[in-house]
Amino acid sequence: MPTKTDRIITSVYLTKEMCGQIDKLADREHISRNEQIRRFIEKGLTVDGYTKDIDFIAGIIRQEFTSVYHIEDIKAVMEQQTNRLAKMLMKSGKLDGAAFFLLIKVLMNMAHDGTEDEFDQMLNEAVTLGVDYMQKKDFQINSFLQDTDNLRRLADKL
């Protein structure tokens, strides 16, 4: 606690509302209005000091982060991984395409009884259902595939 010689008397103008709020807080703490005001000032000065410290520390962290992880290095890794995923998707797409056309060939060999128009209609409806399936959201896929009654109805339409 500072001595009387260390203290400076100053005047501060407060609104009636501010003064009332300070008095309520002071009463709750069983301290004087002046002591409550001093506590607020000390708290404000401390917060300001912390803010400066936080800005200083954040600057150091930012500097360390950018010295260890260069943006260009991160971009290069991301590009490499993106290219890898794109190549995997291309392989999957090629395999899906091959399976699709193999299925068409098998069906053509097995479907001697139907007309060419019936086969074309069946193929068109299958492609439409495939496109509809691909447009479903991830959260819809499991329930769609587990609904065997619906899958049978869709297959019967073909």
Protein backbone atom coordinates (compact mmCIF):
# COMPACT_ATOMS: atom_id res chain seq x y z
CA MET A 1 0.00 0.00 0.00
CA PRO A 2 1.45 3.37 -1.01
CA THR A 3 2.10 5.92 1.73
CA LYS A 4 0.27 9.24 1.85
CA THR A 5 3.29 10.97 0.34
CA ASP A 6 3.16 8.58 -2.66
CA ARG A 7 -0.46 9.46 -3.39
CA ILE A 8 -1.75 12.21 -5.66
CA ILE A 9 -5.24 13.60 -5.28
CA THR A 10 -7.13 13.96 -8.54
CA SER A 11 -10.69 14.81 -9.47
CA VAL A 12 -12.76 12.59 -11.70
CA TYR A 13 -16.22 13.50 -12.92
CA LEU A 14 -18.68 10.60 -12.97
CA THR A 15 -22.26 10.34 -14.12
CA LYS A 16 -24.88 9.62 -11.48
CA GLU A 17 -25.36 6.14 -12.96
CA MET A 18 -21.64 5.36 -12.84
CA CYS A 19 -21.38 6.63 -9.28
CA GLY A 20 -24.37 4.51 -8.26
CA GLN A 21 -22.88 1.37 -9.82
CA ILE A 22 -19.52 2.00 -8.14
CA ASP A 23 -21.21 2.54 -4.78
CA LYS A 24 -23.15 -0.74 -5.13
CA LEU A 25 -19.97 -2.65 -5.91
CA ALA A 26 -18.10 -0.94 -3.06
CA ASP A 27 -20.90 -1.76 -0.61
CA ARG A 28 -20.84 -5.38 -1.69
CA GLU A 29 -17.07 -5.53 -1.05
CA HIS A 30 -17.36 -3.43 2.14
CA ILE A 31 -14.89 -0.84 0.84
CA SER A 32 -15.08 2.88 0.14
CA ARG A 33 -16.01 4.43 -3.18
CA ASN A 34 -12.42 5.68 -3.55
CA GLU A 35 -11.00 2.20 -2.95
CA GLN A 36 -13.40 0.73 -5.56
CA ILE A 37 -12.32 3.36 -8.10
CA ARG A 38 -8.63 2.62 -7.35
CA ARG A 39 -9.27 -1.11 -7.90
CA PHE A 40 -10.91 -0.38 -11.26
CA ILE A 41 -7.96 1.78 -12.31
CA GLU A 42 -5.44 -0.89 -11.23
CA LYS A 43 -7.42 -3.55 -13.10
CA GLY A 44 -7.55 -1.38 -16.23
CA LEU A 45 -3.81 -0.75 -16.10
CA THR A 46 -3.15 -4.47 -15.64
CA VAL A 47 -5.36 -5.40 -18.60
CA ASP A 48 -3.59 -2.85 -20.78
CA GLY A 49 -0.23 -4.35 -19.74
CA TYR A 50 -1.44 -7.86 -20.51
CA THR A 51 -2.67 -6.74 -23.91
CA LYS A 52 0.78 -5.41 -24.77
CA ASP A 53 2.38 -8.64 -23.50
CA ILE A 54 -0.07 -10.75 -25.52
CA ASP A 55 0.66 -8.75 -28.67
CA PHE A 56 4.41 -9.18 -28.07
CA ILE A 57 4.09 -12.94 -27.46
CA ALA A 58 1.77 -13.37 -30.46
CA GLY A 59 4.37 -11.62 -32.61
CA ILE A 60 7.07 -14.01 -31.43
CA ILE A 61 4.86 -17.05 -32.06
CA ARG A 62 3.94 -15.76 -35.52
CA GLN A 63 7.63 -15.18 -36.31
CA GLU A 64 8.61 -18.65 -35.09
CA PHE A 65 5.77 -20.30 -36.96
CA THR A 66 6.64 -18.63 -40.25
CA SER A 67 10.35 -19.39 -39.80
CA VAL A 68 9.63 -23.10 -39.31
CA TYR A 69 6.71 -23.51 -41.73
CA HIS A 70 7.19 -21.59 -44.94
CA ILE A 71 3.99 -21.00 -46.88
CA GLU A 72 5.61 -22.13 -50.12
CA ASP A 73 6.60 -25.45 -48.50
CA ILE A 74 3.05 -25.96 -47.26
CA LYS A 75 1.67 -25.15 -50.72
CA ALA A 76 4.08 -27.62 -52.33
CA VAL A 77 3.04 -30.43 -49.98
CA MET A 78 -0.64 -29.65 -50.51
CA GLU A 79 -0.21 -29.61 -54.28
CA GLN A 80 1.63 -32.94 -54.17
CA GLN A 81 -1.14 -34.53 -52.07
CA THR A 82 -3.85 -33.03 -54.29
CA ASN A 83 -2.16 -34.45 -57.39
CA ARG A 84 -1.89 -37.84 -55.69
CA LEU A 85 -5.61 -37.83 -54.87
CA ALA A 86 -6.49 -36.74 -58.41
CA LYS A 87 -4.47 -39.63 -59.86
CA MET A 88 -6.20 -42.08 -57.49
CA LEU A 89 -9.59 -40.76 -58.57
CA MET A 90 -8.61 -41.12 -62.22
CA LYS A 91 -7.69 -44.76 -61.63
CA SER A 92 -10.98 -45.36 -59.83
CA GLY A 93 -12.88 -43.64 -62.66
CA LYS A 94 -11.16 -45.79 -65.29
CA LEU A 95 -11.97 -48.94 -63.37
CA ASP A 96 -15.61 -47.84 -62.92
CA GLY A 97 -15.87 -47.09 -66.63
CA ALA A 98 -14.42 -50.48 -67.55
CA ALA A 99 -16.83 -52.26 -65.18
CA PHE A 100 -19.76 -50.29 -66.60
CA PHE A 101 -18.99 -51.23 -70.19
CA LEU A 102 -18.25 -54.82 -69.25
CA LEU A 103 -21.66 -55.00 -67.56
CA ILE A 104 -23.27 -53.60 -70.73
CA LYS A 105 -21.53 -56.25 -72.85
CA VAL A 106 -22.60 -59.04 -70.48
CA LEU A 107 -26.20 -57.79 -70.50
CA MET A 108 -26.18 -57.52 -74.31
CA ASN A 109 -25.01 -61.13 -74.55
CA MET A 110 -27.65 -62.29 -72.06
CA ALA A 111 -30.56 -60.17 -73.34
CA HIS A 112 -31.29 -61.90 -76.60
CA ASP A 113 -35.04 -62.03 -75.89
CA GLY A 114 -35.55 -58.24 -75.65
CA THR A 115 -35.57 -55.70 -78.43
CA GLU A 116 -32.82 -53.19 -79.03
CA ASP A 117 -35.15 -50.37 -77.92
CA GLU A 118 -35.89 -52.17 -74.64
CA PHE A 119 -32.19 -52.60 -74.00
CA ASP A 120 -31.52 -48.93 -74.80
CA GLN A 121 -34.30 -47.90 -72.41
CA MET A 122 -32.90 -50.16 -69.67
CA LEU A 123 -29.41 -48.71 -70.21
CA ASN A 124 -30.72 -45.13 -70.17
CA GLU A 125 -32.65 -45.74 -66.92
CA ALA A 126 -29.58 -47.36 -65.33
CA VAL A 127 -27.46 -44.33 -66.20
CA THR A 128 -30.15 -42.01 -64.81
CA LEU A 129 -30.20 -43.97 -61.54
CA GLY A 130 -26.39 -43.86 -61.41
CA VAL A 131 -26.38 -40.09 -61.82
CA ASP A 132 -29.06 -39.77 -59.13
CA TYR A 133 -26.94 -41.92 -56.80
CA MET A 134 -23.84 -39.77 -57.38
CA GLN A 135 -25.80 -36.61 -56.54
CA LYS A 136 -26.75 -37.89 -53.10
CA LYS A 137 -25.01 -36.36 -50.09
CA ASP A 138 -22.65 -38.50 -48.01
CA PHE A 139 -25.10 -38.72 -45.12
CA GLN A 140 -27.81 -40.08 -47.49
CA ILE A 141 -25.78 -42.92 -49.02
CA ASN A 142 -25.89 -45.43 -46.15
CA SER A 143 -29.64 -45.22 -45.67
CA PHE A 144 -30.16 -45.39 -49.45
CA LEU A 145 -28.08 -48.57 -49.75
CA GLN A 146 -29.69 -50.17 -46.68
CA ASP A 147 -33.22 -49.66 -48.03
CA THR A 148 -33.34 -52.96 -49.95
CA ASP A 149 -37.03 -52.61 -50.80
CA ASN A 150 -36.36 -49.33 -52.58
CA LEU A 151 -33.31 -50.80 -54.34
CA ARG A 152 -35.45 -53.68 -55.63
CA ARG A 153 -38.16 -51.27 -56.85
CA LEU A 154 -35.53 -49.23 -58.71
CA ALA A 155 -33.99 -52.35 -60.22
CA ASP A 156 -37.41 -53.62 -61.30
CA LYS A 157 -37.90 -50.38 -63.27
CA LEU A 158 -34.94 -51.36 -65.39
